[in-house]
Amino acid sequence: MADWAYTVSVAIVFDQEIHVHYGQFYVESGSGWAADPLNESLGGQANGLCGAAVPGQLFLITGLHTGSTRVTVEVLDAPAPIGAEWEDVVEASFPAGESEGVSAAVGRREGWRLAIGTD
């Protein structure tokens, strides 16, 4: 089926510029962090953009070492059509149903609540 032949329902739950340090930011679902979040999150994976090996945690790497980058979090009800304009694409499952909700953070200084999957 051609990419244009199906539609995807999108809920944008976060869309703003964030200031990153060391090219990284995190998303977690109330489960706390692993002892070595970078290495444990990327364990057994072939890509280095999104560490998703630890349940309830995403360790994301940007192309920017330090500075502002736009982050958009979308909740989709089907696979997103991928266009040729994307340099890199990584898909990861993220269980977001814990009662604590979901938050994104840069280090321990800045954090945002994401309106997804709270039971």
PDB file of N, CA and C in Angstrom:
ATOM      1  N   MET A   1       0.848  -1.164   0.000  1.00  0.00           N
ATOM      2  CA  MET A   1       0.000   0.000   0.000  1.00  0.00           C
ATOM      3  C   MET A   1       0.902   1.237   0.000  1.00  0.00           C
ATOM      4  N   ALA A   2       0.556   2.216  -0.800  1.00  0.00           N
ATOM      5  CA  ALA A   2       1.324   3.460  -0.868  1.00  0.00           C
ATOM      6  C   ALA A   2       1.199   4.235   0.433  1.00  0.00           C
ATOM      7  N   ASP A   3       2.254   5.009   0.789  1.00  0.00           N
ATOM      8  CA  ASP A   3       2.242   5.789   2.025  1.00  0.00           C
ATOM      9  C   ASP A   3       1.019   6.697   2.119  1.00  0.00           C
ATOM     10  N   TRP A   4       0.597   7.269   1.022  1.00  0.00           N
ATOM     11  CA  TRP A   4      -0.511   8.210   1.040  1.00  0.00           C
ATOM     12  C   TRP A   4      -1.864   7.523   1.175  1.00  0.00           C
ATOM     13  N   ALA A   5      -1.896   6.186   1.083  1.00  0.00           N
ATOM     14  CA  ALA A   5      -3.164   5.461   1.057  1.00  0.00           C
ATOM     15  C   ALA A   5      -3.760   5.210   2.438  1.00  0.00           C
ATOM     16  N   TYR A   6      -3.088   5.609   3.496  1.00  0.00           N
ATOM     17  CA  TYR A   6      -3.690   5.471   4.814  1.00  0.00           C
ATOM     18  C   TYR A   6      -3.470   6.764   5.601  1.00  0.00           C
ATOM     19  N   THR A   7      -4.295   6.951   6.611  1.00  0.00           N
ATOM     20  CA  THR A   7      -4.167   8.155   7.423  1.00  0.00           C
ATOM     21  C   THR A   7      -3.725   7.764   8.827  1.00  0.00           C
ATOM     22  N   VAL A   8      -3.082   8.688   9.488  1.00  0.00           N
ATOM     23  CA  VAL A   8      -2.608   8.474  10.841  1.00  0.00           C
ATOM     24  C   VAL A   8      -3.187   9.570  11.715  1.00  0.00           C
ATOM     25  N   SER A   9      -3.831   9.179  12.802  1.00  0.00           N
ATOM     26  CA  SER A   9      -4.347  10.147  13.754  1.00  0.00           C
ATOM     27  C   SER A   9      -3.200  10.548  14.676  1.00  0.00           C
ATOM     28  N   VAL A  10      -2.962  11.855  14.809  1.00  0.00           N
ATOM     29  CA  VAL A  10      -1.820  12.359  15.571  1.00  0.00           C
ATOM     30  C   VAL A  10      -2.297  13.261  16.697  1.00  0.00           C
ATOM     31  N   ALA A  11      -1.809  12.990  17.885  1.00  0.00           N
ATOM     32  CA  ALA A  11      -1.996  13.903  19.015  1.00  0.00           C
ATOM     33  C   ALA A  11      -0.613  14.437  19.371  1.00  0.00           C
ATOM     34  N   ILE A  12      -0.413  15.746  19.239  1.00  0.00           N
ATOM     35  CA  ILE A  12       0.863  16.356  19.599  1.00  0.00           C
ATOM     36  C   ILE A  12       0.791  16.705  21.082  1.00  0.00           C
ATOM     37  N   VAL A  13       1.635  16.065  21.895  1.00  0.00           N
ATOM     38  CA  VAL A  13       1.596  16.274  23.339  1.00  0.00           C
ATOM     39  C   VAL A  13       2.746  17.148  23.834  1.00  0.00           C
ATOM     40  N   PHE A  14       3.694  17.448  22.960  1.00  0.00           N
ATOM     41  CA  PHE A  14       4.810  18.321  23.319  1.00  0.00           C
ATOM     42  C   PHE A  14       5.406  18.861  22.030  1.00  0.00           C
ATOM     43  N   ASP A  15       5.626  20.162  21.972  1.00  0.00           N
ATOM     44  CA  ASP A  15       6.217  20.769  20.783  1.00  0.00           C
ATOM     45  C   ASP A  15       6.859  22.097  21.188  1.00  0.00           C
ATOM     46  N   GLN A  16       8.141  22.050  21.491  1.00  0.00           N
ATOM     47  CA  GLN A  16       8.850  23.273  21.844  1.00  0.00           C
ATOM     48  C   GLN A  16      10.356  23.061  21.730  1.00  0.00           C
ATOM     49  N   GLU A  17      11.098  24.145  21.782  1.00  0.00           N
ATOM     50  CA  GLU A  17      12.543  24.054  21.792  1.00  0.00           C
ATOM     51  C   GLU A  17      13.008  23.761  23.205  1.00  0.00           C
ATOM     52  N   ILE A  18      13.973  22.867  23.318  1.00  0.00           N
ATOM     53  CA  ILE A  18      14.579  22.588  24.609  1.00  0.00           C
ATOM     54  C   ILE A  18      16.079  22.830  24.488  1.00  0.00           C
ATOM     55  N   HIS A  19      16.701  23.140  25.591  1.00  0.00           N
ATOM     56  CA  HIS A  19      18.149  23.360  25.608  1.00  0.00           C
ATOM     57  C   HIS A  19      18.804  22.059  26.046  1.00  0.00           C
ATOM     58  N   VAL A  20      19.627  21.474  25.178  1.00  0.00           N
ATOM     59  CA  VAL A  20      20.279  20.197  25.495  1.00  0.00           C
ATOM     60  C   VAL A  20      21.723  20.434  25.930  1.00  0.00           C
ATOM     61  N   HIS A  21      22.217  19.513  26.736  1.00  0.00           N
ATOM     62  CA  HIS A  21      23.605  19.482  27.177  1.00  0.00           C
ATOM     63  C   HIS A  21      24.155  18.117  26.800  1.00  0.00           C
ATOM     64  N   TYR A  22      25.345  18.059  26.253  1.00  0.00           N
ATOM     65  CA  TYR A  22      25.964  16.808  25.834  1.00  0.00           C
ATOM     66  C   TYR A  22      25.092  16.048  24.839  1.00  0.00           C
ATOM     67  N   GLY A  23      24.247  16.781  24.103  1.00  0.00           N
ATOM     68  CA  GLY A  23      23.450  16.188  23.036  1.00  0.00           C
ATOM     69  C   GLY A  23      22.422  15.177  23.472  1.00  0.00           C
ATOM     70  N   GLN A  24      21.884  15.300  24.679  1.00  0.00           N
ATOM     71  CA  GLN A  24      20.965  14.268  25.154  1.00  0.00           C
ATOM     72  C   GLN A  24      19.787  14.840  25.937  1.00  0.00           C
ATOM     73  N   PHE A  25      18.684  14.098  25.881  1.00  0.00           N
ATOM     74  CA  PHE A  25      17.545  14.343  26.753  1.00  0.00           C
ATOM     75  C   PHE A  25      16.849  13.013  26.987  1.00  0.00           C
ATOM     76  N   TYR A  26      15.916  12.984  27.925  1.00  0.00           N
ATOM     77  CA  TYR A  26      15.358  11.721  28.400  1.00  0.00           C
ATOM     78  C   TYR A  26      13.842  11.803  28.497  1.00  0.00           C
ATOM     79  N   VAL A  27      13.206  10.656  28.350  1.00  0.00           N
ATOM     80  CA  VAL A  27      11.774  10.521  28.598  1.00  0.00           C
ATOM     81  C   VAL A  27      11.627   9.327  29.525  1.00  0.00           C
ATOM     82  N   GLU A  28      10.834   9.502  30.591  1.00  0.00           N
ATOM     83  CA  GLU A  28      10.651   8.385  31.514  1.00  0.00           C
ATOM     84  C   GLU A  28       9.223   8.323  32.009  1.00  0.00           C
ATOM     85  N   SER A  29       8.845   7.115  32.391  1.00  0.00           N
ATOM     86  CA  SER A  29       7.479   6.860  32.824  1.00  0.00           C
ATOM     87  C   SER A  29       7.450   6.417  34.282  1.00  0.00           C
ATOM     88  N   GLY A  30       7.987   7.242  35.169  1.00  0.00           N
ATOM     89  CA  GLY A  30       7.885   7.009  36.602  1.00  0.00           C
ATOM     90  C   GLY A  30       8.628   5.818  37.146  1.00  0.00           C
ATOM     91  N   SER A  31       9.534   5.226  36.388  1.00  0.00           N
ATOM     92  CA  SER A  31      10.187   4.007  36.843  1.00  0.00           C
ATOM     93  C   SER A  31      11.568   4.248  37.447  1.00  0.00           C
ATOM     94  N   GLY A  32      12.032   5.492  37.483  1.00  0.00           N
ATOM     95  CA  GLY A  32      13.380   5.758  37.980  1.00  0.00           C
ATOM     96  C   GLY A  32      14.406   5.410  36.924  1.00  0.00           C
ATOM     97  N   TRP A  33      15.652   5.769  37.178  1.00  0.00           N
ATOM     98  CA  TRP A  33      16.688   5.559  36.154  1.00  0.00           C
ATOM     99  C   TRP A  33      17.620   4.417  36.493  1.00  0.00           C
ATOM    100  N   ALA A  34      18.106   3.784  35.447  1.00  0.00           N
ATOM    101  CA  ALA A  34      19.089   2.718  35.585  1.00  0.00           C
ATOM    102  C   ALA A  34      20.389   3.308  36.149  1.00  0.00           C
ATOM    103  N   ALA A  35      21.249   2.459  36.702  1.00  0.00           N
ATOM    104  CA  ALA A  35      22.514   2.914  37.276  1.00  0.00           C
ATOM    105  C   ALA A  35      23.404   3.572  36.220  1.00  0.00           C
ATOM    106  N   ASP A  36      23.415   3.034  35.011  1.00  0.00           N
ATOM    107  CA  ASP A  36      24.215   3.573  33.906  1.00  0.00           C
ATOM    108  C   ASP A  36      23.262   3.794  32.730  1.00  0.00           C
ATOM    109  N   PRO A  37      22.476   4.902  32.753  1.00  0.00           N
ATOM    110  CA  PRO A  37      21.387   5.057  31.787  1.00  0.00           C
ATOM    111  C   PRO A  37      21.811   5.021  30.325  1.00  0.00           C
ATOM    112  N   LEU A  38      22.938   5.608  29.965  1.00  0.00           N
ATOM    113  CA  LEU A  38      23.345   5.600  28.560  1.00  0.00           C
ATOM    114  C   LEU A  38      23.620   4.182  28.089  1.00  0.00           C
ATOM    115  N   ASN A  39      24.508   3.478  28.751  1.00  0.00           N
ATOM    116  CA  ASN A  39      24.877   2.132  28.300  1.00  0.00           C
ATOM    117  C   ASN A  39      23.737   1.131  28.430  1.00  0.00           C
ATOM    118  N   GLU A  40      22.991   1.199  29.527  1.00  0.00           N
ATOM    119  CA  GLU A  40      21.883   0.259  29.688  1.00  0.00           C
ATOM    120  C   GLU A  40      20.767   0.535  28.690  1.00  0.00           C
ATOM    121  N   SER A  41      20.489   1.805  28.402  1.00  0.00           N
ATOM    122  CA  SER A  41      19.426   2.155  27.452  1.00  0.00           C
ATOM    123  C   SER A  41      19.743   1.716  26.035  1.00  0.00           C
ATOM    124  N   LEU A  42      21.022   1.742  25.667  1.00  0.00           N
ATOM    125  CA  LEU A  42      21.426   1.364  24.308  1.00  0.00           C
ATOM    126  C   LEU A  42      21.777  -0.109  24.188  1.00  0.00           C
ATOM    127  N   GLY A  43      21.716  -0.863  25.272  1.00  0.00           N
ATOM    128  CA  GLY A  43      22.114  -2.271  25.278  1.00  0.00           C
ATOM    129  C   GLY A  43      21.400  -3.109  24.233  1.00  0.00           C
ATOM    130  N   GLY A  44      22.169  -3.794  23.408  1.00  0.00           N
ATOM    131  CA  GLY A  44      21.622  -4.696  22.402  1.00  0.00           C
ATOM    132  C   GLY A  44      21.008  -4.018  21.198  1.00  0.00           C
ATOM    133  N   GLN A  45      21.193  -2.722  21.047  1.00  0.00           N
ATOM    134  CA  GLN A  45      20.605  -1.988  19.932  1.00  0.00           C
ATOM    135  C   GLN A  45      21.637  -1.687  18.854  1.00  0.00           C
ATOM    136  N   ALA A  46      21.148  -1.517  17.631  1.00  0.00           N
ATOM    137  CA  ALA A  46      22.027  -1.212  16.499  1.00  0.00           C
ATOM    138  C   ALA A  46      22.148   0.285  16.252  1.00  0.00           C
ATOM    139  N   ASN A  47      21.223   1.088  16.786  1.00  0.00           N
ATOM    140  CA  ASN A  47      21.293   2.535  16.558  1.00  0.00           C
ATOM    141  C   ASN A  47      21.767   3.228  17.829  1.00  0.00           C
ATOM    142  N   GLY A  48      22.167   4.480  17.696  1.00  0.00           N
ATOM    143  CA  GLY A  48      22.592   5.238  18.850  1.00  0.00           C
ATOM    144  C   GLY A  48      21.777   6.493  19.050  1.00  0.00           C
ATOM    145  N   LEU A  49      20.624   6.601  18.389  1.00  0.00           N
ATOM    146  CA  LEU A  49      19.800   7.802  18.485  1.00  0.00           C
ATOM    147  C   LEU A  49      18.807   7.755  19.630  1.00  0.00           C
ATOM    148  N   CYS A  50      18.266   6.572  19.895  1.00  0.00           N
ATOM    149  CA  CYS A  50      17.221   6.442  20.904  1.00  0.00           C
ATOM    150  C   CYS A  50      17.430   5.145  21.672  1.00  0.00           C
ATOM    151  N   GLY A  51      17.913   5.262  22.898  1.00  0.00           N
ATOM    152  CA  GLY A  51      18.069   4.083  23.736  1.00  0.00           C
ATOM    153  C   GLY A  51      16.737   3.709  24.354  1.00  0.00           C
ATOM    154  N   ALA A  52      16.233   2.521  24.031  1.00  0.00           N
ATOM    155  CA  ALA A  52      14.919   2.090  24.508  1.00  0.00           C
ATOM    156  C   ALA A  52      14.962   0.702  25.128  1.00  0.00           C
ATOM    157  N   ALA A  53      16.147   0.240  25.538  1.00  0.00           N
ATOM    158  CA  ALA A  53      16.283  -1.118  26.061  1.00  0.00           C
ATOM    159  C   ALA A  53      15.760  -1.268  27.487  1.00  0.00           C
ATOM    160  N   VAL A  54      15.617  -0.163  28.230  1.00  0.00           N
ATOM    161  CA  VAL A  54      15.116  -0.211  29.607  1.00  0.00           C
ATOM    162  C   VAL A  54      13.639   0.180  29.589  1.00  0.00           C
ATOM    163  N   PRO A  55      12.740  -0.702  30.050  1.00  0.00           N
ATOM    164  CA  PRO A  55      11.310  -0.387  30.028  1.00  0.00           C
ATOM    165  C   PRO A  55      11.003   0.925  30.764  1.00  0.00           C
ATOM    166  N   GLY A  56      10.159   1.755  30.145  1.00  0.00           N
ATOM    167  CA  GLY A  56       9.745   3.009  30.749  1.00  0.00           C
ATOM    168  C   GLY A  56      10.747   4.145  30.632  1.00  0.00           C
ATOM    169  N   GLN A  57      11.814   3.948  29.845  1.00  0.00           N
ATOM    170  CA  GLN A  57      12.834   4.975  29.682  1.00  0.00           C
ATOM    171  C   GLN A  57      13.255   5.097  28.224  1.00  0.00           C
ATOM    172  N   LEU A  58      13.421   6.326  27.774  1.00  0.00           N
ATOM    173  CA  LEU A  58      14.024   6.594  26.466  1.00  0.00           C
ATOM    174  C   LEU A  58      15.187   7.542  26.697  1.00  0.00           C
ATOM    175  N   PHE A  59      16.340   7.203  26.166  1.00  0.00           N
ATOM    176  CA  PHE A  59      17.532   8.037  26.251  1.00  0.00           C
ATOM    177  C   PHE A  59      17.793   8.510  24.834  1.00  0.00           C
ATOM    178  N   LEU A  60      17.562   9.787  24.564  1.00  0.00           N
ATOM    179  CA  LEU A  60      17.627  10.307  23.197  1.00  0.00           C
ATOM    180  C   LEU A  60      18.873  11.143  22.975  1.00  0.00           C
ATOM    181  N   ILE A  61      19.499  10.947  21.818  1.00  0.00           N
ATOM    182  CA  ILE A  61      20.715  11.652  21.436  1.00  0.00           C
ATOM    183  C   ILE A  61      20.384  12.569  20.267  1.00  0.00           C
ATOM    184  N   THR A  62      20.786  13.838  20.382  1.00  0.00           N
ATOM    185  CA  THR A  62      20.563  14.794  19.290  1.00  0.00           C
ATOM    186  C   THR A  62      21.855  14.986  18.506  1.00  0.00           C
ATOM    187  N   GLY A  63      21.771  15.634  17.367  1.00  0.00           N
ATOM    188  CA  GLY A  63      22.958  15.969  16.590  1.00  0.00           C
ATOM    189  C   GLY A  63      23.658  17.207  17.113  1.00  0.00           C
ATOM    190  N   LEU A  64      23.081  17.850  18.085  1.00  0.00           N
ATOM    191  CA  LEU A  64      23.598  19.092  18.652  1.00  0.00           C
ATOM    192  C   LEU A  64      24.195  18.815  20.026  1.00  0.00           C
ATOM    193  N   HIS A  65      25.447  19.195  20.261  1.00  0.00           N
ATOM    194  CA  HIS A  65      26.077  18.961  21.557  1.00  0.00           C
ATOM    195  C   HIS A  65      25.445  19.816  22.652  1.00  0.00           C
ATOM    196  N   THR A  66      25.411  21.127  22.441  1.00  0.00           N
ATOM    197  CA  THR A  66      24.844  22.042  23.430  1.00  0.00           C
ATOM    198  C   THR A  66      24.115  23.152  22.702  1.00  0.00           C
ATOM    199  N   GLY A  67      22.901  23.417  23.105  1.00  0.00           N
ATOM    200  CA  GLY A  67      22.110  24.477  22.485  1.00  0.00           C
ATOM    201  C   GLY A  67      20.652  24.086  22.422  1.00  0.00           C
ATOM    202  N   SER A  68      19.881  24.864  21.691  1.00  0.00           N
ATOM    203  CA  SER A  68      18.443  24.627  21.591  1.00  0.00           C
ATOM    204  C   SER A  68      18.108  23.786  20.367  1.00  0.00           C
ATOM    205  N   THR A  69      17.206  22.845  20.572  1.00  0.00           N
ATOM    206  CA  THR A  69      16.713  22.006  19.478  1.00  0.00           C
ATOM    207  C   THR A  69      15.219  21.790  19.686  1.00  0.00           C
ATOM    208  N   ARG A  70      14.467  21.719  18.594  1.00  0.00           N
ATOM    209  CA  ARG A  70      13.023  21.528  18.684  1.00  0.00           C
ATOM    210  C   ARG A  70      12.731  20.050  18.884  1.00  0.00           C
ATOM    211  N   VAL A  71      11.834  19.797  19.851  1.00  0.00           N
ATOM    212  CA  VAL A  71      11.388  18.438  20.141  1.00  0.00           C
ATOM    213  C   VAL A  71       9.869  18.406  20.009  1.00  0.00           C
ATOM    214  N   THR A  72       9.383  17.463  19.213  1.00  0.00           N
ATOM    215  CA  THR A  72       7.950  17.250  19.070  1.00  0.00           C
ATOM    216  C   THR A  72       7.661  15.806  19.458  1.00  0.00           C
ATOM    217  N   VAL A  73       6.706  15.618  20.371  1.00  0.00           N
ATOM    218  CA  VAL A  73       6.283  14.277  20.774  1.00  0.00           C
ATOM    219  C   VAL A  73       4.875  14.086  20.251  1.00  0.00           C
ATOM    220  N   GLU A  74       4.704  13.056  19.430  1.00  0.00           N
ATOM    221  CA  GLU A  74       3.405  12.744  18.835  1.00  0.00           C
ATOM    222  C   GLU A  74       2.971  11.359  19.277  1.00  0.00           C
ATOM    223  N   VAL A  75       1.700  11.205  19.583  1.00  0.00           N
ATOM    224  CA  VAL A  75       1.122   9.902  19.875  1.00  0.00           C
ATOM    225  C   VAL A  75       0.317   9.511  18.644  1.00  0.00           C
ATOM    226  N   LEU A  76       0.684   8.394  18.032  1.00  0.00           N
ATOM    227  CA  LEU A  76       0.084   7.959  16.767  1.00  0.00           C
ATOM    228  C   LEU A  76      -0.747   6.699  16.978  1.00  0.00           C
ATOM    229  N   ASP A  77      -1.771   6.540  16.153  1.00  0.00           N
ATOM    230  CA  ASP A  77      -2.573   5.319  16.227  1.00  0.00           C
ATOM    231  C   ASP A  77      -2.223   4.318  15.127  1.00  0.00           C
ATOM    232  N   ALA A  78      -1.178   4.615  14.352  1.00  0.00           N
ATOM    233  CA  ALA A  78      -0.692   3.731  13.284  1.00  0.00           C
ATOM    234  C   ALA A  78       0.737   4.148  12.961  1.00  0.00           C
ATOM    235  N   PRO A  79       1.479   3.323  12.242  1.00  0.00           N
ATOM    236  CA  PRO A  79       2.836   3.723  11.854  1.00  0.00           C
ATOM    237  C   PRO A  79       2.815   5.017  11.043  1.00  0.00           C
ATOM    238  N   ALA A  80       3.766   5.871  11.312  1.00  0.00           N
ATOM    239  CA  ALA A  80       3.858   7.145  10.586  1.00  0.00           C
ATOM    240  C   ALA A  80       4.482   6.922   9.217  1.00  0.00           C
ATOM    241  N   PRO A  81       3.946   7.584   8.199  1.00  0.00           N
ATOM    242  CA  PRO A  81       4.603   7.510   6.889  1.00  0.00           C
ATOM    243  C   PRO A  81       5.937   8.252   6.974  1.00  0.00           C
ATOM    244  N   ILE A  82       6.992   7.640   6.475  1.00  0.00           N
ATOM    245  CA  ILE A  82       8.334   8.214   6.541  1.00  0.00           C
ATOM    246  C   ILE A  82       8.692   8.776   5.175  1.00  0.00           C
ATOM    247  N   GLY A  83       9.007  10.061   5.146  1.00  0.00           N
ATOM    248  CA  GLY A  83       9.361  10.726   3.902  1.00  0.00           C
ATOM    249  C   GLY A  83      10.858  10.700   3.639  1.00  0.00           C
ATOM    250  N   ALA A  84      11.234  10.973   2.430  1.00  0.00           N
ATOM    251  CA  ALA A  84      12.637  10.989   2.022  1.00  0.00           C
ATOM    252  C   ALA A  84      13.413  12.133   2.676  1.00  0.00           C
ATOM    253  N   GLU A  85      12.711  13.132   3.218  1.00  0.00           N
ATOM    254  CA  GLU A  85      13.383  14.278   3.826  1.00  0.00           C
ATOM    255  C   GLU A  85      14.042  13.955   5.172  1.00  0.00           C
ATOM    256  N   TRP A  86      13.699  12.826   5.778  1.00  0.00           N
ATOM    257  CA  TRP A  86      14.263  12.457   7.079  1.00  0.00           C
ATOM    258  C   TRP A  86      15.633  11.818   6.893  1.00  0.00           C
ATOM    259  N   GLU A  87      16.644  12.335   7.604  1.00  0.00           N
ATOM    260  CA  GLU A  87      17.984  11.753   7.550  1.00  0.00           C
ATOM    261  C   GLU A  87      18.053  10.453   8.336  1.00  0.00           C
ATOM    262  N   ASP A  88      17.501  10.468   9.539  1.00  0.00           N
ATOM    263  CA  ASP A  88      17.520   9.307  10.424  1.00  0.00           C
ATOM    264  C   ASP A  88      16.147   9.130  11.048  1.00  0.00           C
ATOM    265  N   VAL A  89      15.704   7.888  11.148  1.00  0.00           N
ATOM    266  CA  VAL A  89      14.421   7.582  11.766  1.00  0.00           C
ATOM    267  C   VAL A  89      14.618   6.389  12.686  1.00  0.00           C
ATOM    268  N   VAL A  90      14.111   6.505  13.912  1.00  0.00           N
ATOM    269  CA  VAL A  90      14.144   5.407  14.864  1.00  0.00           C
ATOM    270  C   VAL A  90      12.757   5.277  15.455  1.00  0.00           C
ATOM    271  N   GLU A  91      12.251   4.055  15.507  1.00  0.00           N
ATOM    272  CA  GLU A  91      10.956   3.802  16.121  1.00  0.00           C
ATOM    273  C   GLU A  91      11.182   2.967  17.370  1.00  0.00           C
ATOM    274  N   ALA A  92      10.512   3.332  18.457  1.00  0.00           N
ATOM    275  CA  ALA A  92      10.651   2.578  19.703  1.00  0.00           C
ATOM    276  C   ALA A  92       9.304   2.520  20.407  1.00  0.00           C
ATOM    277  N   SER A  93       8.992   1.362  20.952  1.00  0.00           N
ATOM    278  CA  SER A  93       7.791   1.245  21.776  1.00  0.00           C
ATOM    279  C   SER A  93       8.078   1.877  23.126  1.00  0.00           C
ATOM    280  N   PHE A  94       7.043   2.504  23.702  1.00  0.00           N
ATOM    281  CA  PHE A  94       7.209   3.143  25.000  1.00  0.00           C
ATOM    282  C   PHE A  94       5.943   2.941  25.809  1.00  0.00           C
ATOM    283  N   PRO A  95       5.991   2.094  26.840  1.00  0.00           N
ATOM    284  CA  PRO A  95       4.811   1.888  27.678  1.00  0.00           C
ATOM    285  C   PRO A  95       4.602   3.098  28.583  1.00  0.00           C
ATOM    286  N   ALA A  96       3.531   3.841  28.353  1.00  0.00           N
ATOM    287  CA  ALA A  96       3.330   5.096  29.076  1.00  0.00           C
ATOM    288  C   ALA A  96       2.111   5.050  29.975  1.00  0.00           C
ATOM    289  N   GLY A  97       1.778   3.896  30.522  1.00  0.00           N
ATOM    290  CA  GLY A  97       0.546   3.777  31.282  1.00  0.00           C
ATOM    291  C   GLY A  97       0.664   3.858  32.781  1.00  0.00           C
ATOM    292  N   GLU A  98       1.826   4.194  33.309  1.00  0.00           N
ATOM    293  CA  GLU A  98       1.986   4.238  34.756  1.00  0.00           C
ATOM    294  C   GLU A  98       1.286   5.450  35.354  1.00  0.00           C
ATOM    295  N   SER A  99       0.851   5.338  36.596  1.00  0.00           N
ATOM    296  CA  SER A  99       0.087   6.404  37.235  1.00  0.00           C
ATOM    297  C   SER A  99       0.893   7.680  37.440  1.00  0.00           C
ATOM    298  N   GLU A 100       2.229   7.590  37.469  1.00  0.00           N
ATOM    299  CA  GLU A 100       3.057   8.774  37.646  1.00  0.00           C
ATOM    300  C   GLU A 100       3.083   9.652  36.400  1.00  0.00           C
ATOM    301  N   GLY A 101       2.620   9.132  35.279  1.00  0.00           N
ATOM    302  CA  GLY A 101       2.646   9.880  34.035  1.00  0.00           C
ATOM    303  C   GLY A 101       4.000   9.793  33.367  1.00  0.00           C
ATOM    304  N   VAL A 102       4.206  10.661  32.404  1.00  0.00           N
ATOM    305  CA  VAL A 102       5.418  10.643  31.598  1.00  0.00           C
ATOM    306  C   VAL A 102       6.041  12.024  31.659  1.00  0.00           C
ATOM    307  N   SER A 103       7.360  12.068  31.775  1.00  0.00           N
ATOM    308  CA  SER A 103       8.044  13.351  31.768  1.00  0.00           C
ATOM    309  C   SER A 103       9.270  13.288  30.883  1.00  0.00           C
ATOM    310  N   ALA A 104       9.662  14.439  30.380  1.00  0.00           N
ATOM    311  CA  ALA A 104      10.891  14.578  29.596  1.00  0.00           C
ATOM    312  C   ALA A 104      11.810  15.477  30.391  1.00  0.00           C
ATOM    313  N   ALA A 105      13.118  15.256  30.275  1.00  0.00           N
ATOM    314  CA  ALA A 105      14.064  16.059  31.041  1.00  0.00           C
ATOM    315  C   ALA A 105      15.376  16.202  30.300  1.00  0.00           C
ATOM    316  N   VAL A 106      16.080  17.279  30.634  1.00  0.00           N
ATOM    317  CA  VAL A 106      17.454  17.489  30.204  1.00  0.00           C
ATOM    318  C   VAL A 106      18.262  17.557  31.486  1.00  0.00           C
ATOM    319  N   GLY A 107      19.082  16.544  31.725  1.00  0.00           N
ATOM    320  CA  GLY A 107      19.812  16.487  32.986  1.00  0.00           C
ATOM    321  C   GLY A 107      18.849  16.501  34.152  1.00  0.00           C
ATOM    322  N   ARG A 108      19.228  17.114  35.238  1.00  0.00           N
ATOM    323  CA  ARG A 108      18.342  17.218  36.395  1.00  0.00           C
ATOM    324  C   ARG A 108      17.839  18.639  36.574  1.00  0.00           C
ATOM    325  N   ARG A 109      18.081  19.503  35.599  1.00  0.00           N
ATOM    326  CA  ARG A 109      17.745  20.921  35.735  1.00  0.00           C
ATOM    327  C   ARG A 109      16.381  21.293  35.193  1.00  0.00           C
ATOM    328  N   GLU A 110      15.992  20.705  34.085  1.00  0.00           N
ATOM    329  CA  GLU A 110      14.796  21.130  33.382  1.00  0.00           C
ATOM    330  C   GLU A 110      13.924  19.918  33.113  1.00  0.00           C
ATOM    331  N   GLY A 111      12.612  20.046  33.288  1.00  0.00           N
ATOM    332  CA  GLY A 111      11.737  18.926  33.018  1.00  0.00           C
ATOM    333  C   GLY A 111      10.363  19.374  32.582  1.00  0.00           C
ATOM    334  N   TRP A 112       9.660  18.500  31.855  1.00  0.00           N
ATOM    335  CA  TRP A 112       8.320  18.791  31.342  1.00  0.00           C
ATOM    336  C   TRP A 112       7.465  17.558  31.496  1.00  0.00           C
ATOM    337  N   ARG A 113       6.209  17.742  31.863  1.00  0.00           N
ATOM    338  CA  ARG A 113       5.237  16.645  31.895  1.00  0.00           C
ATOM    339  C   ARG A 113       4.667  16.477  30.496  1.00  0.00           C
ATOM    340  N   LEU A 114       4.477  15.247  30.074  1.00  0.00           N
ATOM    341  CA  LEU A 114       3.885  14.943  28.774  1.00  0.00           C
ATOM    342  C   LEU A 114       2.509  14.340  29.008  1.00  0.00           C
ATOM    343  N   ALA A 115       1.526  14.821  28.284  1.00  0.00           N
ATOM    344  CA  ALA A 115       0.137  14.383  28.473  1.00  0.00           C
ATOM    345  C   ALA A 115      -0.131  13.104  27.686  1.00  0.00           C
ATOM    346  N   ILE A 116       0.505  12.009  28.100  1.00  0.00           N
ATOM    347  CA  ILE A 116       0.258  10.724  27.445  1.00  0.00           C
ATOM    348  C   ILE A 116       0.125   9.612  28.466  1.00  0.00           C
ATOM    349  N   GLY A 117      -0.833   8.748  28.210  1.00  0.00           N
ATOM    350  CA  GLY A 117      -0.960   7.457  28.856  1.00  0.00           C
ATOM    351  C   GLY A 117      -1.099   7.378  30.353  1.00  0.00           C
ATOM    352  N   THR A 118      -1.582   8.378  31.040  1.00  0.00           N
ATOM    353  CA  THR A 118      -1.745   8.221  32.485  1.00  0.00           C
ATOM    354  C   THR A 118      -3.019   7.443  32.757  1.00  0.00           C
ATOM    355  N   ASP A 119      -2.910   6.455  33.626  1.00  0.00           N
ATOM    356  CA  ASP A 119      -4.072   5.619  33.985  1.00  0.00           C
ATOM    357  C   ASP A 119      -4.884   6.283  35.076  1.00  0.00           C
TER     358      ASP A 119
END
